[in-house]
Amino acid sequence: MVYGAAYVFIDRAYILLGRDGDAITVELAAKDEGTDDETLRAMAGDFSNELLSQALRRKITKANQTILE
């Protein structure tokens, strides 16, 4: 899920994924140097929403796996 969300943002941001124990850490850095703090916060929110979307896609795919096969 995290890789899928990161792929969606690959054109707008540099993305660094890491681990902190059981948690996955994500660092976003805008590719546009003139990006302000408000835009960065919006990008972080958009990334969170994309994570939710990826999780829902995965849940739907698992629920319909027999139909898809």
PDB file of N, CA and C in Angstrom:
ATOM      1  N   MET A   1       0.810  -1.187   0.000  1.00  0.00           N
ATOM      2  CA  MET A   1       0.000   0.000   0.000  1.00  0.00           C
ATOM      3  C   MET A   1       0.859   1.259   0.000  1.00  0.00           C
ATOM      4  N   VAL A   2       1.890   1.263   0.791  1.00  0.00           N
ATOM      5  CA  VAL A   2       2.739   2.449   0.883  1.00  0.00           C
ATOM      6  C   VAL A   2       3.458   2.671  -0.439  1.00  0.00           C
ATOM      7  N   TYR A   3       3.924   1.596  -1.058  1.00  0.00           N
ATOM      8  CA  TYR A   3       4.596   1.730  -2.353  1.00  0.00           C
ATOM      9  C   TYR A   3       3.643   2.294  -3.400  1.00  0.00           C
ATOM     10  N   GLY A   4       2.388   1.841  -3.384  1.00  0.00           N
ATOM     11  CA  GLY A   4       1.400   2.338  -4.336  1.00  0.00           C
ATOM     12  C   GLY A   4       1.150   3.825  -4.153  1.00  0.00           C
ATOM     13  N   ALA A   5       1.005   4.260  -2.921  1.00  0.00           N
ATOM     14  CA  ALA A   5       0.787   5.679  -2.640  1.00  0.00           C
ATOM     15  C   ALA A   5       2.028   6.490  -3.029  1.00  0.00           C
ATOM     16  N   ALA A   6       3.193   5.965  -2.737  1.00  0.00           N
ATOM     17  CA  ALA A   6       4.434   6.667  -3.083  1.00  0.00           C
ATOM     18  C   ALA A   6       4.554   6.819  -4.599  1.00  0.00           C
ATOM     19  N   TYR A   7       4.149   5.804  -5.342  1.00  0.00           N
ATOM     20  CA  TYR A   7       4.233   5.854  -6.803  1.00  0.00           C
ATOM     21  C   TYR A   7       3.365   6.973  -7.367  1.00  0.00           C
ATOM     22  N   VAL A   8       2.201   7.190  -6.766  1.00  0.00           N
ATOM     23  CA  VAL A   8       1.302   8.251  -7.225  1.00  0.00           C
ATOM     24  C   VAL A   8       1.956   9.625  -7.060  1.00  0.00           C
ATOM     25  N   PHE A   9       2.799   9.774  -6.042  1.00  0.00           N
ATOM     26  CA  PHE A   9       3.417  11.066  -5.740  1.00  0.00           C
ATOM     27  C   PHE A   9       4.801  11.244  -6.350  1.00  0.00           C
ATOM     28  N   ILE A  10       5.278  10.275  -7.094  1.00  0.00           N
ATOM     29  CA  ILE A  10       6.655  10.299  -7.596  1.00  0.00           C
ATOM     30  C   ILE A  10       6.928  11.490  -8.516  1.00  0.00           C
ATOM     31  N   ASP A  11       5.894  12.026  -9.162  1.00  0.00           N
ATOM     32  CA  ASP A  11       6.107  13.166 -10.050  1.00  0.00           C
ATOM     33  C   ASP A  11       6.164  14.499  -9.302  1.00  0.00           C
ATOM     34  N   ARG A  12       5.623  14.545  -8.075  1.00  0.00           N
ATOM     35  CA  ARG A  12       5.561  15.800  -7.317  1.00  0.00           C
ATOM     36  C   ARG A  12       6.580  15.903  -6.206  1.00  0.00           C
ATOM     37  N   ALA A  13       7.067  14.763  -5.709  1.00  0.00           N
ATOM     38  CA  ALA A  13       7.902  14.811  -4.509  1.00  0.00           C
ATOM     39  C   ALA A  13       8.971  13.727  -4.527  1.00  0.00           C
ATOM     40  N   TYR A  14      10.038  14.011  -3.809  1.00  0.00           N
ATOM     41  CA  TYR A  14      11.027  12.984  -3.504  1.00  0.00           C
ATOM     42  C   TYR A  14      10.505  12.256  -2.273  1.00  0.00           C
ATOM     43  N   ILE A  15      10.548  10.949  -2.294  1.00  0.00           N
ATOM     44  CA  ILE A  15       9.950  10.163  -1.217  1.00  0.00           C
ATOM     45  C   ILE A  15      11.000   9.229  -0.637  1.00  0.00           C
ATOM     46  N   LEU A  16      11.136   9.274   0.678  1.00  0.00           N
ATOM     47  CA  LEU A  16      12.060   8.393   1.381  1.00  0.00           C
ATOM     48  C   LEU A  16      11.248   7.536   2.340  1.00  0.00           C
ATOM     49  N   LEU A  17      11.309   6.227   2.155  1.00  0.00           N
ATOM     50  CA  LEU A  17      10.604   5.292   3.020  1.00  0.00           C
ATOM     51  C   LEU A  17      11.604   4.649   3.961  1.00  0.00           C
ATOM     52  N   GLY A  18      11.197   4.451   5.200  1.00  0.00           N
ATOM     53  CA  GLY A  18      12.074   3.833   6.184  1.00  0.00           C
ATOM     54  C   GLY A  18      11.262   3.056   7.206  1.00  0.00           C
ATOM     55  N   ARG A  19      11.966   2.486   8.175  1.00  0.00           N
ATOM     56  CA  ARG A  19      11.316   1.728   9.253  1.00  0.00           C
ATOM     57  C   ARG A  19      11.758   2.266  10.589  1.00  0.00           C
ATOM     58  N   ASP A  20      10.806   2.290  11.499  1.00  0.00           N
ATOM     59  CA  ASP A  20      11.076   2.650  12.881  1.00  0.00           C
ATOM     60  C   ASP A  20      10.368   1.602  13.736  1.00  0.00           C
ATOM     61  N   GLY A  21      11.048   0.499  13.989  1.00  0.00           N
ATOM     62  CA  GLY A  21      10.408  -0.632  14.671  1.00  0.00           C
ATOM     63  C   GLY A  21       9.394  -1.266  13.739  1.00  0.00           C
ATOM     64  N   ASP A  22       8.148  -1.334  14.175  1.00  0.00           N
ATOM     65  CA  ASP A  22       7.086  -1.891  13.344  1.00  0.00           C
ATOM     66  C   ASP A  22       6.442  -0.852  12.433  1.00  0.00           C
ATOM     67  N   ALA A  23       6.751   0.414  12.643  1.00  0.00           N
ATOM     68  CA  ALA A  23       6.141   1.495  11.866  1.00  0.00           C
ATOM     69  C   ALA A  23       6.949   1.782  10.605  1.00  0.00           C
ATOM     70  N   ILE A  24       6.250   2.240   9.599  1.00  0.00           N
ATOM     71  CA  ILE A  24       6.893   2.680   8.360  1.00  0.00           C
ATOM     72  C   ILE A  24       6.911   4.204   8.380  1.00  0.00           C
ATOM     73  N   THR A  25       8.062   4.785   8.106  1.00  0.00           N
ATOM     74  CA  THR A  25       8.172   6.236   8.063  1.00  0.00           C
ATOM     75  C   THR A  25       8.215   6.695   6.611  1.00  0.00           C
ATOM     76  N   VAL A  26       7.609   7.836   6.361  1.00  0.00           N
ATOM     77  CA  VAL A  26       7.586   8.418   5.021  1.00  0.00           C
ATOM     78  C   VAL A  26       8.033   9.861   5.131  1.00  0.00           C
ATOM     79  N   GLU A  27       9.017  10.228   4.334  1.00  0.00           N
ATOM     80  CA  GLU A  27       9.458  11.619   4.262  1.00  0.00           C
ATOM     81  C   GLU A  27       9.199  12.116   2.852  1.00  0.00           C
ATOM     82  N   LEU A  28       8.471  13.224   2.761  1.00  0.00           N
ATOM     83  CA  LEU A  28       8.173  13.844   1.473  1.00  0.00           C
ATOM     84  C   LEU A  28       8.949  15.142   1.350  1.00  0.00           C
ATOM     85  N   ALA A  29       9.556  15.362   0.222  1.00  0.00           N
ATOM     86  CA  ALA A  29      10.224  16.628  -0.075  1.00  0.00           C
ATOM     87  C   ALA A  29       9.778  17.044  -1.474  1.00  0.00           C
ATOM     88  N   ALA A  30       9.219  18.225  -1.577  1.00  0.00           N
ATOM     89  CA  ALA A  30       8.704  18.706  -2.854  1.00  0.00           C
ATOM     90  C   ALA A  30       9.833  18.857  -3.867  1.00  0.00           C
ATOM     91  N   LYS A  31       9.552  18.503  -5.109  1.00  0.00           N
ATOM     92  CA  LYS A  31      10.544  18.671  -6.165  1.00  0.00           C
ATOM     93  C   LYS A  31      10.683  20.128  -6.569  1.00  0.00           C
ATOM     94  N   ASP A  32       9.617  20.908  -6.396  1.00  0.00           N
ATOM     95  CA  ASP A  32       9.647  22.332  -6.689  1.00  0.00           C
ATOM     96  C   ASP A  32      10.258  23.068  -5.493  1.00  0.00           C
ATOM     97  N   GLU A  33      11.355  23.760  -5.718  1.00  0.00           N
ATOM     98  CA  GLU A  33      12.084  24.404  -4.617  1.00  0.00           C
ATOM     99  C   GLU A  33      11.301  25.529  -3.952  1.00  0.00           C
ATOM    100  N   GLY A  34      10.358  26.137  -4.637  1.00  0.00           N
ATOM    101  CA  GLY A  34       9.626  27.266  -4.080  1.00  0.00           C
ATOM    102  C   GLY A  34       8.361  26.871  -3.334  1.00  0.00           C
ATOM    103  N   THR A  35       8.258  25.635  -2.908  1.00  0.00           N
ATOM    104  CA  THR A  35       7.048  25.160  -2.241  1.00  0.00           C
ATOM    105  C   THR A  35       6.981  25.680  -0.815  1.00  0.00           C
ATOM    106  N   ASP A  36       5.825  26.269  -0.450  1.00  0.00           N
ATOM    107  CA  ASP A  36       5.664  26.815   0.901  1.00  0.00           C
ATOM    108  C   ASP A  36       5.131  25.745   1.862  1.00  0.00           C
ATOM    109  N   ASP A  37       5.108  26.095   3.145  1.00  0.00           N
ATOM    110  CA  ASP A  37       4.699  25.147   4.196  1.00  0.00           C
ATOM    111  C   ASP A  37       3.260  24.684   4.026  1.00  0.00           C
ATOM    112  N   GLU A  38       2.382  25.586   3.621  1.00  0.00           N
ATOM    113  CA  GLU A  38       0.977  25.221   3.441  1.00  0.00           C
ATOM    114  C   GLU A  38       0.818  24.162   2.346  1.00  0.00           C
ATOM    115  N   THR A  39       1.549  24.312   1.280  1.00  0.00           N
ATOM    116  CA  THR A  39       1.497  23.342   0.183  1.00  0.00           C
ATOM    117  C   THR A  39       2.061  21.998   0.629  1.00  0.00           C
ATOM    118  N   LEU A  40       3.123  22.028   1.427  1.00  0.00           N
ATOM    119  CA  LEU A  40       3.692  20.783   1.941  1.00  0.00           C
ATOM    120  C   LEU A  40       2.713  20.059   2.863  1.00  0.00           C
ATOM    121  N   ARG A  41       2.012  20.807   3.703  1.00  0.00           N
ATOM    122  CA  ARG A  41       1.000  20.187   4.581  1.00  0.00           C
ATOM    123  C   ARG A  41      -0.130  19.589   3.755  1.00  0.00           C
ATOM    124  N   ALA A  42      -0.531  20.279   2.698  1.00  0.00           N
ATOM    125  CA  ALA A  42      -1.578  19.763   1.814  1.00  0.00           C
ATOM    126  C   ALA A  42      -1.103  18.491   1.118  1.00  0.00           C
ATOM    127  N   MET A  43       0.160  18.465   0.724  1.00  0.00           N
ATOM    128  CA  MET A  43       0.717  17.276   0.080  1.00  0.00           C
ATOM    129  C   MET A  43       0.743  16.095   1.048  1.00  0.00           C
ATOM    130  N   ALA A  44       1.079  16.355   2.308  1.00  0.00           N
ATOM    131  CA  ALA A  44       1.071  15.296   3.319  1.00  0.00           C
ATOM    132  C   ALA A  44      -0.350  14.769   3.526  1.00  0.00           C
ATOM    133  N   GLY A  45      -1.334  15.656   3.533  1.00  0.00           N
ATOM    134  CA  GLY A  45      -2.723  15.237   3.650  1.00  0.00           C
ATOM    135  C   GLY A  45      -3.169  14.420   2.448  1.00  0.00           C
ATOM    136  N   ASP A  46      -2.766  14.853   1.259  1.00  0.00           N
ATOM    137  CA  ASP A  46      -3.088  14.104   0.042  1.00  0.00           C
ATOM    138  C   ASP A  46      -2.449  12.718   0.070  1.00  0.00           C
ATOM    139  N   PHE A  47      -1.235  12.639   0.600  1.00  0.00           N
ATOM    140  CA  PHE A  47      -0.566  11.344   0.702  1.00  0.00           C
ATOM    141  C   PHE A  47      -1.334  10.425   1.661  1.00  0.00           C
ATOM    142  N   SER A  48      -1.788  10.977   2.777  1.00  0.00           N
ATOM    143  CA  SER A  48      -2.585  10.185   3.727  1.00  0.00           C
ATOM    144  C   SER A  48      -3.867   9.680   3.076  1.00  0.00           C
ATOM    145  N   ASN A  49      -4.518  10.539   2.302  1.00  0.00           N
ATOM    146  CA  ASN A  49      -5.730  10.127   1.599  1.00  0.00           C
ATOM    147  C   ASN A  49      -5.437   9.040   0.578  1.00  0.00           C
ATOM    148  N   GLU A  50      -4.310   9.136  -0.088  1.00  0.00           N
ATOM    149  CA  GLU A  50      -3.938   8.107  -1.065  1.00  0.00           C
ATOM    150  C   GLU A  50      -3.660   6.776  -0.367  1.00  0.00           C
ATOM    151  N   LEU A  51      -3.073   6.819   0.816  1.00  0.00           N
ATOM    152  CA  LEU A  51      -2.872   5.592   1.591  1.00  0.00           C
ATOM    153  C   LEU A  51      -4.204   4.926   1.908  1.00  0.00           C
ATOM    154  N   LEU A  52      -5.189   5.724   2.301  1.00  0.00           N
ATOM    155  CA  LEU A  52      -6.529   5.179   2.565  1.00  0.00           C
ATOM    156  C   LEU A  52      -7.133   4.572   1.303  1.00  0.00           C
ATOM    157  N   SER A  53      -6.952   5.243   0.197  1.00  0.00           N
ATOM    158  CA  SER A  53      -7.466   4.742  -1.078  1.00  0.00           C
ATOM    159  C   SER A  53      -6.814   3.422  -1.452  1.00  0.00           C
ATOM    160  N   GLN A  54      -5.511   3.322  -1.262  1.00  0.00           N
ATOM    161  CA  GLN A  54      -4.785   2.082  -1.558  1.00  0.00           C
ATOM    162  C   GLN A  54      -5.265   0.947  -0.662  1.00  0.00           C
ATOM    163  N   ALA A  55      -5.519   1.257   0.612  1.00  0.00           N
ATOM    164  CA  ALA A  55      -6.006   0.239   1.544  1.00  0.00           C
ATOM    165  C   ALA A  55      -7.377  -0.263   1.124  1.00  0.00           C
ATOM    166  N   LEU A  56      -8.248   0.641   0.697  1.00  0.00           N
ATOM    167  CA  LEU A  56      -9.574   0.237   0.242  1.00  0.00           C
ATOM    168  C   LEU A  56      -9.492  -0.606  -1.021  1.00  0.00           C
ATOM    169  N   ARG A  57      -8.634  -0.205  -1.965  1.00  0.00           N
ATOM    170  CA  ARG A  57      -8.454  -1.008  -3.184  1.00  0.00           C
ATOM    171  C   ARG A  57      -8.007  -2.424  -2.846  1.00  0.00           C
ATOM    172  N   ARG A  58      -7.084  -2.531  -1.910  1.00  0.00           N
ATOM    173  CA  ARG A  58      -6.583  -3.854  -1.518  1.00  0.00           C
ATOM    174  C   ARG A  58      -7.693  -4.697  -0.888  1.00  0.00           C
ATOM    175  N   LYS A  59      -8.510  -4.065  -0.028  1.00  0.00           N
ATOM    176  CA  LYS A  59      -9.610  -4.770   0.621  1.00  0.00           C
ATOM    177  C   LYS A  59     -10.635  -5.255  -0.410  1.00  0.00           C
ATOM    178  N   ILE A  60     -10.962  -4.410  -1.365  1.00  0.00           N
ATOM    179  CA  ILE A  60     -11.922  -4.790  -2.411  1.00  0.00           C
ATOM    180  C   ILE A  60     -11.364  -5.912  -3.273  1.00  0.00           C
ATOM    181  N   THR A  61     -10.090  -5.829  -3.607  1.00  0.00           N
ATOM    182  CA  THR A  61      -9.466  -6.871  -4.418  1.00  0.00           C
ATOM    183  C   THR A  61      -9.478  -8.214  -3.699  1.00  0.00           C
ATOM    184  N   LYS A  62      -9.164  -8.210  -2.415  1.00  0.00           N
ATOM    185  CA  LYS A  62      -9.189  -9.459  -1.647  1.00  0.00           C
ATOM    186  C   LYS A  62     -10.603 -10.021  -1.564  1.00  0.00           C
ATOM    187  N   ALA A  63     -11.593  -9.146  -1.370  1.00  0.00           N
ATOM    188  CA  ALA A  63     -12.978  -9.599  -1.242  1.00  0.00           C
ATOM    189  C   ALA A  63     -13.494 -10.196  -2.547  1.00  0.00           C
ATOM    190  N   ASN A  64     -12.985  -9.717  -3.664  1.00  0.00           N
ATOM    191  CA  ASN A  64     -13.448 -10.164  -4.977  1.00  0.00           C
ATOM    192  C   ASN A  64     -12.437 -11.031  -5.715  1.00  0.00           C
ATOM    193  N   GLN A  65     -11.497 -11.594  -4.993  1.00  0.00           N
ATOM    194  CA  GLN A  65     -10.422 -12.355  -5.621  1.00  0.00           C
ATOM    195  C   GLN A  65     -10.941 -13.535  -6.436  1.00  0.00           C
ATOM    196  N   THR A  66     -11.903 -14.250  -5.930  1.00  0.00           N
ATOM    197  CA  THR A  66     -12.427 -15.410  -6.683  1.00  0.00           C
ATOM    198  C   THR A  66     -13.113 -14.965  -7.959  1.00  0.00           C
ATOM    199  N   ILE A  67     -13.802 -13.847  -7.933  1.00  0.00           N
ATOM    200  CA  ILE A  67     -14.459 -13.327  -9.138  1.00  0.00           C
ATOM    201  C   ILE A  67     -13.423 -12.896 -10.162  1.00  0.00           C
ATOM    202  N   LEU A  68     -12.360 -12.259  -9.693  1.00  0.00           N
ATOM    203  CA  LEU A  68     -11.314 -11.786 -10.586  1.00  0.00           C
ATOM    204  C   LEU A  68     -10.545 -12.926 -11.254  1.00  0.00           C
ATOM    205  N   GLU A  69     -10.413 -14.023 -10.541  1.00  0.00           N
ATOM    206  CA  GLU A  69      -9.682 -15.173 -11.094  1.00  0.00           C
ATOM    207  C   GLU A  69     -10.564 -15.916 -12.053  1.00  0.00           C
TER     208      GLU A  69
END
